[in-house]
Protein backbone atom coordinates (compact mmCIF):
# COMPACT_ATOMS: atom_id res chain seq x y z
CA MET A 1 20.89 -2.44 -48.17
CA LEU A 2 21.41 0.58 -46.07
CA ASN A 3 24.46 3.02 -46.89
CA ARG A 4 27.06 2.08 -44.23
CA ASP A 5 29.00 5.53 -46.46
CA THR A 6 26.53 7.34 -44.85
CA LEU A 7 27.30 5.40 -41.32
CA ARG A 8 31.21 5.80 -42.04
CA GLN A 9 30.02 10.04 -42.14
CA LEU A 10 28.12 9.81 -38.77
CA LEU A 11 31.09 8.52 -36.68
CA ALA A 12 33.50 10.58 -38.26
CA CYS A 13 31.45 13.72 -36.62
CA HIS A 14 32.35 14.93 -32.97
CA SER A 15 28.68 15.52 -31.35
CA THR A 16 29.19 15.41 -27.48
CA SER A 17 25.96 16.22 -25.82
CA GLY A 18 24.84 19.83 -26.54
CA ASP A 19 27.03 20.34 -29.85
CA GLU A 20 25.66 18.16 -31.79
CA ALA A 21 25.73 20.30 -35.13
CA GLU A 22 28.18 18.21 -36.87
CA VAL A 23 25.13 15.05 -37.05
CA ARG A 24 22.45 17.80 -37.54
CA ASP A 25 24.15 19.02 -40.65
CA VAL A 26 24.30 15.51 -41.57
CA LEU A 27 20.75 14.63 -41.13
CA VAL A 28 19.62 17.69 -42.32
CA HIS A 29 21.38 17.51 -46.29
CA ALA A 30 20.31 13.55 -45.93
CA TRP A 31 16.83 14.94 -45.75
CA GLN A 32 16.47 17.43 -47.81
CA ARG A 33 18.38 15.14 -50.65
CA ALA A 34 15.22 13.17 -50.38
CA GLY A 35 12.72 16.02 -50.56
CA LEU A 36 11.61 16.46 -46.89
CA ASN A 37 11.29 19.62 -45.24
CA VAL A 38 13.20 20.56 -42.66
CA THR A 39 12.13 22.25 -39.05
CA HIS A 40 14.79 23.24 -36.21
CA LEU A 41 13.90 23.64 -33.19
CA GLY A 42 16.91 25.76 -31.91
CA GLU A 43 19.77 24.32 -30.60
CA TYR A 44 17.25 21.22 -28.63
CA ALA A 45 16.13 19.34 -31.89
CA VAL A 46 15.34 19.09 -35.80
CA HIS A 47 12.61 17.14 -37.49
CA ALA A 48 11.26 16.60 -41.10
CA SER A 49 8.63 15.51 -42.92
CA LEU A 50 7.37 14.91 -46.81
CA PRO A 51 5.10 17.85 -47.98
CA ALA A 52 1.85 17.39 -46.43
CA ARG A 53 -0.94 17.43 -48.55
CA SER A 54 -3.85 16.24 -46.09
CA ARG A 55 -4.52 15.72 -42.24
CA LYS A 56 -3.09 12.71 -41.27
CA PRO A 57 -2.47 11.70 -37.82
CA ILE A 58 1.63 11.73 -36.96
CA LEU A 59 3.63 8.30 -36.28
CA LEU A 60 7.20 10.49 -34.90
CA ILE A 61 10.49 7.98 -35.46
CA THR A 62 13.38 9.64 -33.23
CA ALA A 63 16.70 9.37 -32.51
CA HIS A 64 19.59 11.18 -30.42
CA MET A 65 22.20 13.02 -32.00
CA ASP A 66 24.86 13.13 -28.92
CA SER A 67 27.32 10.83 -27.61
CA PRO A 68 29.36 10.48 -24.44
CA GLY A 69 32.37 12.54 -23.86
CA PHE A 70 34.63 15.30 -22.16
CA THR A 71 34.03 18.73 -21.61
CA ILE A 72 37.18 20.59 -20.39
CA ASP A 73 36.83 21.90 -17.17
CA ARG A 74 40.40 23.09 -15.72
CA MET A 75 42.68 25.17 -18.16
CA LYS A 76 45.37 24.61 -15.33
CA ILE A 77 45.86 21.42 -13.28
CA ALA A 78 48.61 22.14 -10.34
CA GLY A 79 51.23 19.09 -10.12
CA GLY A 80 49.77 18.31 -13.65
CA ARG A 81 51.91 16.96 -16.70
CA ALA A 82 53.06 20.11 -18.79
CA GLY A 83 50.07 21.47 -21.62
CA SER A 84 47.20 19.17 -20.16
CA ALA A 85 43.80 20.27 -19.05
CA GLY A 86 41.39 18.72 -16.71
CA MET A 87 37.97 17.56 -17.98
CA THR A 88 34.30 16.22 -16.59
CA SER A 89 32.56 13.76 -18.18
CA LEU A 90 29.23 14.15 -20.18
CA GLY A 91 27.20 11.41 -20.26
CA HIS A 92 28.84 8.40 -18.72
CA PRO A 93 31.85 7.13 -20.95
CA SER A 94 33.25 3.72 -19.94
CA MET A 95 37.10 3.67 -20.59
CA ALA A 96 38.67 0.52 -19.29
CA ALA A 97 42.10 1.45 -20.17
CA ASP A 98 43.79 4.21 -18.82
CA ARG A 99 44.26 6.18 -21.92
CA VAL A 100 42.69 5.99 -25.21
CA ALA A 101 42.94 8.34 -28.35
CA GLY A 102 40.53 11.14 -28.60
CA VAL A 103 39.76 14.11 -30.40
CA LEU A 104 39.83 17.74 -29.10
CA LYS A 105 37.35 19.99 -30.68
CA THR A 106 38.45 23.77 -30.04
CA CYS A 107 36.59 27.28 -30.07
CA ASP A 108 37.85 27.84 -33.69
CA GLY A 109 36.15 24.35 -34.75
CA GLN A 110 39.80 22.74 -35.49
CA HIS A 111 39.54 18.84 -33.92
CA THR A 112 42.85 17.87 -32.68
CA PRO A 113 44.12 14.70 -31.82
CA VAL A 114 44.88 14.04 -28.07
CA THR A 115 45.41 11.20 -25.02
CA ILE A 116 42.44 10.84 -23.18
CA ARG A 117 44.25 10.09 -19.79
CA LYS A 118 42.03 8.34 -16.93
CA ILE A 119 43.97 8.68 -13.22
CA ARG A 120 41.95 6.60 -10.34
CA ARG A 121 42.10 8.18 -6.76
CA ARG A 122 42.12 6.39 -3.57
CA GLY A 123 38.42 6.09 -2.30
CA GLY A 124 37.22 4.99 -6.05
CA GLU A 125 37.52 8.50 -7.60
CA VAL A 126 38.27 9.18 -11.01
CA ASP A 127 40.19 12.25 -12.31
CA PHE A 128 40.22 12.62 -16.63
CA ARG A 129 43.00 14.45 -18.29
CA CYS A 130 43.50 16.05 -21.97
CA GLU A 131 46.81 15.51 -23.07
CA PRO A 132 48.66 16.66 -25.97
CA VAL A 133 49.99 13.81 -28.31
CA ALA A 134 53.84 13.57 -29.05
CA PRO A 135 56.00 15.41 -30.74
CA ALA A 136 53.66 18.04 -29.65
CA ARG A 137 54.44 19.52 -25.89
CA ARG A 138 50.86 21.45 -25.33
CA LEU A 139 47.07 21.70 -26.37
CA PRO A 140 46.13 24.72 -29.24
CA GLU A 141 46.11 27.46 -28.34
CA ALA A 142 42.65 28.01 -29.35
CA LEU A 143 41.53 25.54 -26.72
CA GLY A 144 38.58 27.40 -23.87
CA HIS A 145 37.10 26.50 -20.91
CA GLY A 146 33.90 23.93 -21.66
CA ASP A 147 35.18 23.14 -25.27
CA ARG A 148 34.94 19.37 -26.11
CA VAL A 149 36.48 16.00 -26.48
CA CYS A 150 35.27 12.52 -27.51
CA TYR A 151 36.81 9.72 -28.57
CA ALA A 152 38.91 8.90 -31.97
CA SER A 153 36.67 7.52 -34.43
CA ALA A 154 37.96 4.25 -36.16
CA PRO A 155 35.75 2.45 -37.36
CA GLU A 156 36.02 -1.63 -38.45
CA PHE A 157 33.95 -3.56 -40.79
CA ASP A 158 33.72 -7.68 -39.99
CA GLY A 159 31.20 -8.88 -42.45
CA ASP A 160 28.06 -7.52 -41.01
CA GLN A 161 29.42 -6.79 -37.41
CA ILE A 162 31.09 -2.95 -36.49
CA SER A 163 33.20 -1.85 -33.53
CA SER A 164 33.51 1.44 -33.57
CA PRO A 165 32.66 4.40 -30.35
CA PHE A 166 29.63 6.44 -31.25
CA LEU A 167 27.11 3.98 -31.92
CA ASP A 168 24.95 5.34 -29.01
CA ASN A 169 23.38 6.67 -31.08
CA ARG A 170 24.80 7.72 -34.39
CA LEU A 171 23.03 4.01 -35.76
CA GLY A 172 19.66 5.78 -34.93
CA CYS A 173 20.97 8.99 -36.53
CA TRP A 174 22.09 6.35 -39.50
CA LEU A 175 18.68 5.20 -39.76
CA LEU A 176 17.21 8.35 -39.72
CA ALA A 177 18.80 9.53 -42.88
CA GLU A 178 18.19 5.94 -44.45
CA LEU A 179 14.68 6.67 -44.01
CA ALA A 180 14.29 9.80 -45.53
CA PRO A 181 14.02 8.51 -49.17
CA ARG A 182 12.08 5.17 -48.17
CA ILE A 183 9.10 6.79 -46.44
CA ALA A 184 7.28 7.90 -49.97
CA ALA A 185 6.98 5.00 -51.19
CA TRP A 186 5.83 3.67 -47.79
CA LYS A 187 1.73 2.64 -47.88
CA SER A 188 0.90 4.22 -44.89
CA ARG A 189 -2.23 6.17 -42.66
CA TRP A 190 0.05 8.07 -40.86
CA GLN A 191 2.04 11.56 -41.55
CA ILE A 192 5.94 10.06 -40.59
CA VAL A 193 8.28 12.75 -39.19
CA LEU A 194 12.04 12.01 -38.18
CA GLY A 195 13.02 13.31 -35.23
CA ALA A 196 16.35 13.93 -33.53
CA THR A 197 17.37 15.38 -30.24
CA SER A 198 20.52 16.83 -28.22
CA SER A 199 21.61 15.62 -24.38
CA GLU A 200 19.88 12.72 -24.18
CA GLU A 201 23.28 11.83 -22.32
CA MET A 202 22.31 14.47 -20.06
CA GLY A 203 19.08 14.84 -19.02
CA GLY A 204 17.21 14.45 -21.92
CA MET A 205 16.78 18.40 -22.68
CA GLY A 206 15.78 17.92 -26.19
CA ALA A 207 13.30 15.16 -25.95
CA PRO A 208 10.36 17.72 -24.60
CA VAL A 209 10.79 20.63 -27.01
CA LEU A 210 10.45 17.77 -29.77
CA ALA A 211 7.24 16.12 -28.42
CA ARG A 212 6.02 19.64 -27.12
CA GLN A 213 6.08 21.02 -31.24
CA VAL A 214 5.63 17.71 -33.23
CA ARG A 215 2.46 16.52 -30.31
CA PRO A 216 2.59 13.10 -32.77
CA ASP A 217 0.01 10.40 -31.90
CA PHE A 218 2.27 7.68 -31.84
CA VAL A 219 6.10 7.57 -31.59
CA ILE A 220 9.01 5.19 -31.83
CA VAL A 221 12.15 5.42 -30.53
CA LEU A 222 15.05 4.44 -31.93
CA ASP A 223 18.26 4.10 -29.62
CA ALA A 224 21.03 1.66 -28.82
CA THR A 225 21.01 -1.01 -25.92
CA TYR A 226 22.88 -3.69 -24.34
CA GLU A 227 23.26 -7.82 -25.27
CA ALA A 228 21.67 -9.46 -22.79
CA LEU A 229 22.82 -13.60 -22.67
CA ASP A 230 20.46 -14.01 -19.72
CA GLN A 231 17.41 -12.51 -21.29
CA ASP A 232 18.59 -13.88 -25.01
CA VAL A 233 19.32 -10.37 -26.20
CA ARG A 234 22.02 -11.19 -28.75
CA LEU A 235 23.42 -9.06 -31.84
CA GLY A 236 22.27 -10.48 -34.82
CA ASN A 237 18.72 -11.47 -33.94
CA GLY A 238 16.70 -8.57 -34.43
CA PRO A 239 16.02 -5.06 -33.39
CA VAL A 240 14.94 -5.22 -29.54
CA LEU A 241 11.74 -3.79 -27.85
CA THR A 242 12.14 -2.61 -24.52
CA LEU A 243 9.32 -3.70 -22.28
CA SER A 244 10.42 -1.68 -19.11
CA ASP A 245 13.40 0.37 -18.18
CA ALA A 246 13.79 3.88 -16.54
CA SER A 247 11.36 5.54 -19.46
CA VAL A 248 9.08 2.84 -20.69
CA LEU A 249 6.73 0.26 -19.67
CA LEU A 250 4.78 -1.29 -21.96
CA SER A 251 1.47 -3.45 -21.49
CA PRO A 252 1.56 -7.08 -22.18
CA ALA A 253 -1.31 -6.67 -24.49
CA ARG A 254 0.87 -4.33 -26.46
CA ARG A 255 3.91 -6.22 -25.97
CA ASP A 256 1.46 -9.20 -28.08
CA ARG A 257 0.68 -6.65 -30.36
CA VAL A 258 3.70 -5.39 -31.93
CA LYS A 259 4.29 -9.19 -31.83
CA LYS A 260 2.36 -10.58 -33.78
CA VAL A 261 2.57 -8.27 -36.57
CA LEU A 262 6.28 -8.38 -36.58
CA ALA A 263 6.04 -12.43 -36.64
CA THR A 264 3.19 -12.54 -39.31
CA ALA A 265 5.41 -10.30 -41.86
CA GLY A 266 8.69 -12.23 -41.21
CA VAL A 267 10.48 -9.63 -38.96
CA ALA A 268 12.79 -10.67 -36.33
CA LEU A 269 12.32 -9.21 -32.62
CA GLN A 270 13.81 -9.38 -29.41
CA THR A 271 12.34 -8.07 -25.91
CA GLU A 272 13.97 -6.59 -22.98
CA VAL A 273 13.41 -5.72 -19.22
CA TYR A 274 15.32 -3.95 -16.77
CA ASN A 275 14.93 -0.76 -15.30
CA TYR A 276 17.90 1.33 -15.02
CA SER A 277 18.74 3.77 -17.69
CA GLY A 278 16.02 4.86 -20.73
CA THR A 279 15.79 6.12 -23.57
CA ASP A 280 14.20 9.85 -25.17
CA ALA A 281 10.48 7.85 -24.54
CA ARG A 282 9.91 9.38 -21.21
CA ALA A 283 9.23 12.64 -22.68
CA PHE A 284 6.30 12.24 -24.14
CA PRO A 285 3.95 11.26 -21.21
CA GLN A 286 5.77 13.55 -19.49
CA GLN A 287 5.00 16.32 -22.03
CA GLY A 288 0.71 15.45 -21.19
CA LEU A 289 0.44 13.36 -24.84
CA ALA A 290 -1.65 10.28 -24.59
CA SER A 291 0.93 8.86 -27.29
CA PRO A 292 1.46 4.87 -27.56
CA VAL A 293 5.42 5.38 -27.45
CA LEU A 294 7.78 2.32 -28.24
CA ALA A 295 11.42 1.93 -27.84
CA LEU A 296 13.06 0.13 -30.75
CA LEU A 297 16.51 -0.78 -30.28
CA LEU A 298 19.77 -2.34 -31.27
CA ALA A 299 21.52 -4.45 -29.56
CA THR A 300 25.33 -3.77 -29.10
CA THR A 301 28.21 -4.57 -26.60
CA GLY A 302 30.68 -2.19 -25.04
CA ASN A 303 28.71 0.64 -24.93
CA HIS A 304 29.57 4.08 -24.15
CA SER A 305 33.09 2.52 -25.03
CA PRO A 306 35.67 3.46 -27.36
CA ARG A 307 34.86 0.16 -28.61
CA GLU A 308 30.92 -0.54 -29.32
CA THR A 309 30.34 -3.42 -31.42
CA ALA A 310 26.86 -4.01 -33.19
CA ASP A 311 25.50 -6.52 -35.92
CA LEU A 312 24.34 -4.29 -39.42
CA ARG A 313 21.56 -7.36 -39.81
CA ASP A 314 19.66 -5.93 -36.79
CA ALA A 315 19.48 -2.20 -38.53
CA GLU A 316 18.25 -3.71 -41.58
CA HIS A 317 15.41 -6.00 -39.74
CA LEU A 318 14.52 -2.58 -37.95
CA VAL A 319 14.11 -0.68 -41.13
CA ALA A 320 11.59 -3.75 -42.09
CA ALA A 321 10.10 -3.97 -38.57
CA LEU A 322 9.50 0.23 -38.85
CA GLU A 323 7.93 -0.24 -42.39
CA ILE A 324 5.44 -2.71 -41.28
CA LEU A 325 4.15 -0.27 -38.29
CA ALA A 326 3.87 2.56 -40.24
CA ARG A 327 1.27 0.21 -41.99
CA GLU A 328 -0.74 -0.61 -38.78
CA GLU A 329 -4.01 1.50 -37.74
CA HIS A 330 -3.65 0.66 -34.43
CA PRO A 331 0.04 0.09 -32.70
């Protein structure tokens, strides 16, 4: 059974692209508590593994630490409300409402409740503002150019379903934390490395650094994807193997091999095909690695919005799938 308290801890983190330290600290603590050796790759990535007794081929299981948010770009706005600041989006946040609750992290490290306001301009342009929450009249004096704003986190559980911001990709990070005490018991031919990257939502800058330093022989990328009823991809029906998107293209032979291995073990699996968006999977062939790369994702609704929804049974099935694949000699 996966520990939901760890997920709550990760969802409480303020972790926009390029500012992932809060999530990284949670992961490093979980990995070190499980006896893993941790390596930091600047601010781009971090990875951990059990002390290696002999050279084995490397299986890298990785997820990204950032979620969409905003950065302060205008400290003063001509004609704007008193105390408000202008913002630029980071990583395509999706807001249906014109106002949502947010959290500002200032340069002194403080978290301050704010309102994220979306202003619709003529011609379809959208402007974002950061505004103080009543009864405050102004934003904190410590506000700095480039400070970050994210959605306010208030996870809601309904049985096995969770609704919260940041499920893309705190779900993947949650699994990295939960795998740490489990991998020592897996009967695997691989040296298993757990990795976490920065800035996936803003150009994928962390994954190439991780790829180049670890040089894995087999890669599994964890991320969130979309529920797609027209492809029969649904919450609660198991993890999703991406066959084609902007970052990965699986051959039918590898698709069938993965499906057969998991079906034989009784592990549910869904598949998806689309040619927009993508994951960190693109970084590994781009670094010249011949490693097989699988994108194993969790279906969600409301992606990048203040209310994303997922089914935590899918996460349980994904952990089971990872253990099965870690036993395979030819993924």
